[in-house]
Amino acid sequence: MRVLGQIAEVVLWFAMWIAIPAALLYPGVSWLVKHTQFSVEAVCNIYALGIAILFLPTGFLTHSIYRKFVLKRAISN
């Protein structure tokens, strides 16, 4: 059961690292589709590339925030 919980936690972290850049880039991508002449395939490729580029910095940022604010509180109790 413990291994299953750890696997679920890892999946949650990776999903969050993908969802945060996707949510941040979505307004720009929707504007790009409506107001420019780029094809939908090109915009999808740009969107996927942007998520891939922001994946690792988002991971480092969320991990440092988690370590700074959540883990210190849990250890001190």
N, C-alpha and C. Protein backbone atom coordinates (compact mmCIF):
# COMPACT_ATOMS: atom_id res chain seq x y z
N MET A 1 0.82 -1.20 0.00
CA MET A 1 0.00 0.00 0.00
C MET A 1 0.86 1.26 0.00
N ARG A 2 1.99 1.19 0.71
CA ARG A 2 2.86 2.36 0.78
C ARG A 2 3.44 2.68 -0.60
N VAL A 3 3.81 1.64 -1.35
CA VAL A 3 4.37 1.86 -2.69
C VAL A 3 3.32 2.46 -3.60
N LEU A 4 2.11 2.00 -3.49
CA LEU A 4 1.03 2.54 -4.31
C LEU A 4 0.81 4.03 -4.01
N GLY A 5 0.88 4.41 -2.75
CA GLY A 5 0.75 5.81 -2.38
C GLY A 5 1.89 6.66 -2.92
N GLN A 6 3.09 6.12 -2.91
CA GLN A 6 4.23 6.86 -3.44
C GLN A 6 4.14 7.02 -4.96
N ILE A 7 3.67 5.98 -5.63
CA ILE A 7 3.48 6.08 -7.08
C ILE A 7 2.42 7.13 -7.40
N ALA A 8 1.34 7.14 -6.63
CA ALA A 8 0.29 8.14 -6.83
C ALA A 8 0.82 9.55 -6.59
N GLU A 9 1.69 9.72 -5.61
CA GLU A 9 2.26 11.03 -5.34
C GLU A 9 3.16 11.50 -6.48
N VAL A 10 3.95 10.61 -7.03
CA VAL A 10 4.81 10.96 -8.16
C VAL A 10 3.98 11.34 -9.38
N VAL A 11 2.92 10.59 -9.64
CA VAL A 11 2.03 10.91 -10.75
C VAL A 11 1.38 12.27 -10.54
N LEU A 12 0.98 12.56 -9.31
CA LEU A 12 0.38 13.87 -9.00
C LEU A 12 1.37 15.00 -9.25
N TRP A 13 2.62 14.83 -8.82
CA TRP A 13 3.62 15.87 -9.05
C TRP A 13 3.85 16.11 -10.53
N PHE A 14 4.00 15.03 -11.32
CA PHE A 14 4.22 15.22 -12.75
C PHE A 14 3.01 15.83 -13.43
N ALA A 15 1.82 15.46 -13.00
CA ALA A 15 0.61 16.07 -13.58
C ALA A 15 0.56 17.56 -13.26
N MET A 16 0.97 17.92 -12.05
CA MET A 16 0.97 19.34 -11.67
C MET A 16 2.03 20.10 -12.46
N TRP A 17 3.18 19.46 -12.70
CA TRP A 17 4.24 20.12 -13.46
C TRP A 17 3.85 20.32 -14.91
N ILE A 18 2.94 19.54 -15.41
CA ILE A 18 2.44 19.72 -16.77
C ILE A 18 1.26 20.68 -16.80
N ALA A 19 0.39 20.61 -15.79
CA ALA A 19 -0.83 21.43 -15.78
C ALA A 19 -0.54 22.91 -15.56
N ILE A 20 0.44 23.24 -14.76
CA ILE A 20 0.73 24.65 -14.48
C ILE A 20 1.19 25.38 -15.75
N PRO A 21 2.20 24.89 -16.49
CA PRO A 21 2.55 25.60 -17.73
C PRO A 21 1.43 25.59 -18.76
N ALA A 22 0.65 24.50 -18.81
CA ALA A 22 -0.45 24.44 -19.77
C ALA A 22 -1.48 25.52 -19.46
N ALA A 23 -1.79 25.71 -18.19
CA ALA A 23 -2.76 26.73 -17.81
C ALA A 23 -2.22 28.13 -18.05
N LEU A 24 -0.94 28.32 -17.84
CA LEU A 24 -0.35 29.64 -18.07
C LEU A 24 -0.26 30.00 -19.56
N LEU A 25 -0.02 29.00 -20.40
CA LEU A 25 0.14 29.27 -21.83
C LEU A 25 -1.18 29.28 -22.59
N TYR A 26 -2.25 28.76 -22.02
CA TYR A 26 -3.51 28.63 -22.74
C TYR A 26 -4.07 29.96 -23.25
N PRO A 27 -4.10 31.04 -22.45
CA PRO A 27 -4.64 32.30 -22.99
C PRO A 27 -3.86 32.82 -24.20
N GLY A 28 -2.55 32.68 -24.18
CA GLY A 28 -1.75 33.11 -25.32
C GLY A 28 -2.01 32.28 -26.56
N VAL A 29 -2.18 30.98 -26.35
CA VAL A 29 -2.44 30.09 -27.48
C VAL A 29 -3.82 30.36 -28.07
N SER A 30 -4.81 30.58 -27.23
CA SER A 30 -6.15 30.87 -27.75
C SER A 30 -6.16 32.21 -28.50
N TRP A 31 -5.42 33.18 -28.02
CA TRP A 31 -5.31 34.45 -28.74
C TRP A 31 -4.62 34.24 -30.07
N LEU A 32 -3.58 33.41 -30.07
CA LEU A 32 -2.82 33.14 -31.28
C LEU A 32 -3.69 32.49 -32.35
N VAL A 33 -4.57 31.58 -31.96
CA VAL A 33 -5.44 30.91 -32.92
C VAL A 33 -6.45 31.89 -33.51
N LYS A 34 -7.00 32.77 -32.67
CA LYS A 34 -8.07 33.67 -33.13
C LYS A 34 -7.57 34.85 -33.94
N HIS A 35 -6.37 35.36 -33.63
CA HIS A 35 -5.94 36.63 -34.21
C HIS A 35 -4.78 36.53 -35.19
N THR A 36 -4.30 35.35 -35.48
CA THR A 36 -3.22 35.22 -36.45
C THR A 36 -3.59 34.21 -37.51
N GLN A 37 -2.73 34.07 -38.49
CA GLN A 37 -2.97 33.15 -39.60
C GLN A 37 -2.24 31.82 -39.44
N PHE A 38 -1.73 31.54 -38.24
CA PHE A 38 -1.06 30.26 -38.00
C PHE A 38 -2.06 29.12 -38.08
N SER A 39 -1.60 27.98 -38.57
CA SER A 39 -2.49 26.82 -38.64
C SER A 39 -2.65 26.22 -37.23
N VAL A 40 -3.69 25.44 -37.08
CA VAL A 40 -3.95 24.83 -35.78
C VAL A 40 -2.84 23.86 -35.41
N GLU A 41 -2.30 23.15 -36.40
CA GLU A 41 -1.21 22.22 -36.14
C GLU A 41 0.04 22.94 -35.64
N ALA A 42 0.35 24.09 -36.23
CA ALA A 42 1.51 24.86 -35.80
C ALA A 42 1.31 25.39 -34.39
N VAL A 43 0.11 25.85 -34.09
CA VAL A 43 -0.16 26.37 -32.75
C VAL A 43 -0.07 25.24 -31.72
N CYS A 44 -0.57 24.06 -32.08
CA CYS A 44 -0.47 22.92 -31.16
C CYS A 44 0.98 22.54 -30.91
N ASN A 45 1.80 22.59 -31.95
CA ASN A 45 3.22 22.30 -31.77
C ASN A 45 3.90 23.35 -30.90
N ILE A 46 3.56 24.61 -31.10
CA ILE A 46 4.12 25.68 -30.27
C ILE A 46 3.69 25.50 -28.82
N TYR A 47 2.43 25.14 -28.61
CA TYR A 47 1.89 24.92 -27.27
C TYR A 47 2.62 23.77 -26.57
N ALA A 48 2.80 22.67 -27.28
CA ALA A 48 3.49 21.52 -26.70
C ALA A 48 4.95 21.84 -26.41
N LEU A 49 5.59 22.59 -27.29
CA LEU A 49 6.97 23.00 -27.06
C LEU A 49 7.09 23.92 -25.85
N GLY A 50 6.15 24.84 -25.71
CA GLY A 50 6.16 25.72 -24.55
C GLY A 50 5.97 24.96 -23.24
N ILE A 51 5.10 23.98 -23.24
CA ILE A 51 4.91 23.15 -22.04
C ILE A 51 6.18 22.37 -21.74
N ALA A 52 6.82 21.83 -22.78
CA ALA A 52 8.05 21.07 -22.58
C ALA A 52 9.18 21.95 -22.05
N ILE A 53 9.25 23.17 -22.53
CA ILE A 53 10.31 24.08 -22.07
C ILE A 53 10.07 24.49 -20.62
N LEU A 54 8.82 24.72 -20.25
CA LEU A 54 8.51 25.16 -18.89
C LEU A 54 8.35 24.02 -17.89
N PHE A 55 8.43 22.76 -18.33
CA PHE A 55 8.24 21.62 -17.44
C PHE A 55 9.28 21.59 -16.32
N LEU A 56 10.54 21.64 -16.66
CA LEU A 56 11.60 21.53 -15.66
C LEU A 56 11.67 22.73 -14.72
N PRO A 57 11.60 23.98 -15.20
CA PRO A 57 11.58 25.10 -14.25
C PRO A 57 10.38 25.07 -13.31
N THR A 58 9.23 24.61 -13.81
CA THR A 58 8.05 24.49 -12.95
C THR A 58 8.29 23.44 -11.89
N GLY A 59 8.93 22.34 -12.25
CA GLY A 59 9.25 21.30 -11.28
C GLY A 59 10.17 21.82 -10.18
N PHE A 60 11.22 22.54 -10.56
CA PHE A 60 12.12 23.09 -9.55
C PHE A 60 11.41 24.11 -8.66
N LEU A 61 10.59 24.95 -9.25
CA LEU A 61 9.88 25.97 -8.48
C LEU A 61 8.89 25.36 -7.50
N THR A 62 8.07 24.42 -7.95
CA THR A 62 7.09 23.82 -7.04
C THR A 62 7.78 23.00 -5.96
N HIS A 63 8.88 22.34 -6.30
CA HIS A 63 9.60 21.57 -5.29
C HIS A 63 10.21 22.48 -4.24
N SER A 64 10.78 23.61 -4.65
CA SER A 64 11.37 24.52 -3.67
C SER A 64 10.30 25.18 -2.80
N ILE A 65 9.17 25.52 -3.39
CA ILE A 65 8.07 26.08 -2.58
C ILE A 65 7.55 25.05 -1.60
N TYR A 66 7.39 23.81 -2.04
CA TYR A 66 6.94 22.73 -1.17
C TYR A 66 7.93 22.50 -0.04
N ARG A 67 9.22 22.47 -0.36
CA ARG A 67 10.24 22.24 0.64
C ARG A 67 10.31 23.39 1.64
N LYS A 68 10.12 24.61 1.17
CA LYS A 68 10.26 25.78 2.05
C LYS A 68 9.06 25.97 2.96
N PHE A 69 7.85 25.78 2.45
CA PHE A 69 6.66 26.10 3.23
C PHE A 69 5.96 24.88 3.84
N VAL A 70 5.92 23.78 3.14
CA VAL A 70 5.15 22.63 3.62
C VAL A 70 5.99 21.72 4.50
N LEU A 71 7.18 21.36 4.06
CA LEU A 71 8.00 20.42 4.82
C LEU A 71 8.47 20.99 6.14
N LYS A 72 8.82 22.26 6.21
CA LYS A 72 9.25 22.85 7.47
C LYS A 72 8.13 22.82 8.49
N ARG A 73 6.91 23.08 8.06
CA ARG A 73 5.76 23.05 8.97
C ARG A 73 5.50 21.63 9.46
N ALA A 74 5.65 20.65 8.60
CA ALA A 74 5.39 19.26 8.98
C ALA A 74 6.46 18.74 9.92
N ILE A 75 7.71 19.13 9.76
CA ILE A 75 8.79 18.67 10.62
C ILE A 75 8.72 19.32 11.99
N SER A 76 8.35 20.59 12.04
CA SER A 76 8.31 21.29 13.33
C SER A 76 7.19 20.78 14.24
N ASN A 77 6.13 20.20 13.68
CA ASN A 77 5.05 19.67 14.51
C ASN A 77 5.51 18.38 15.08
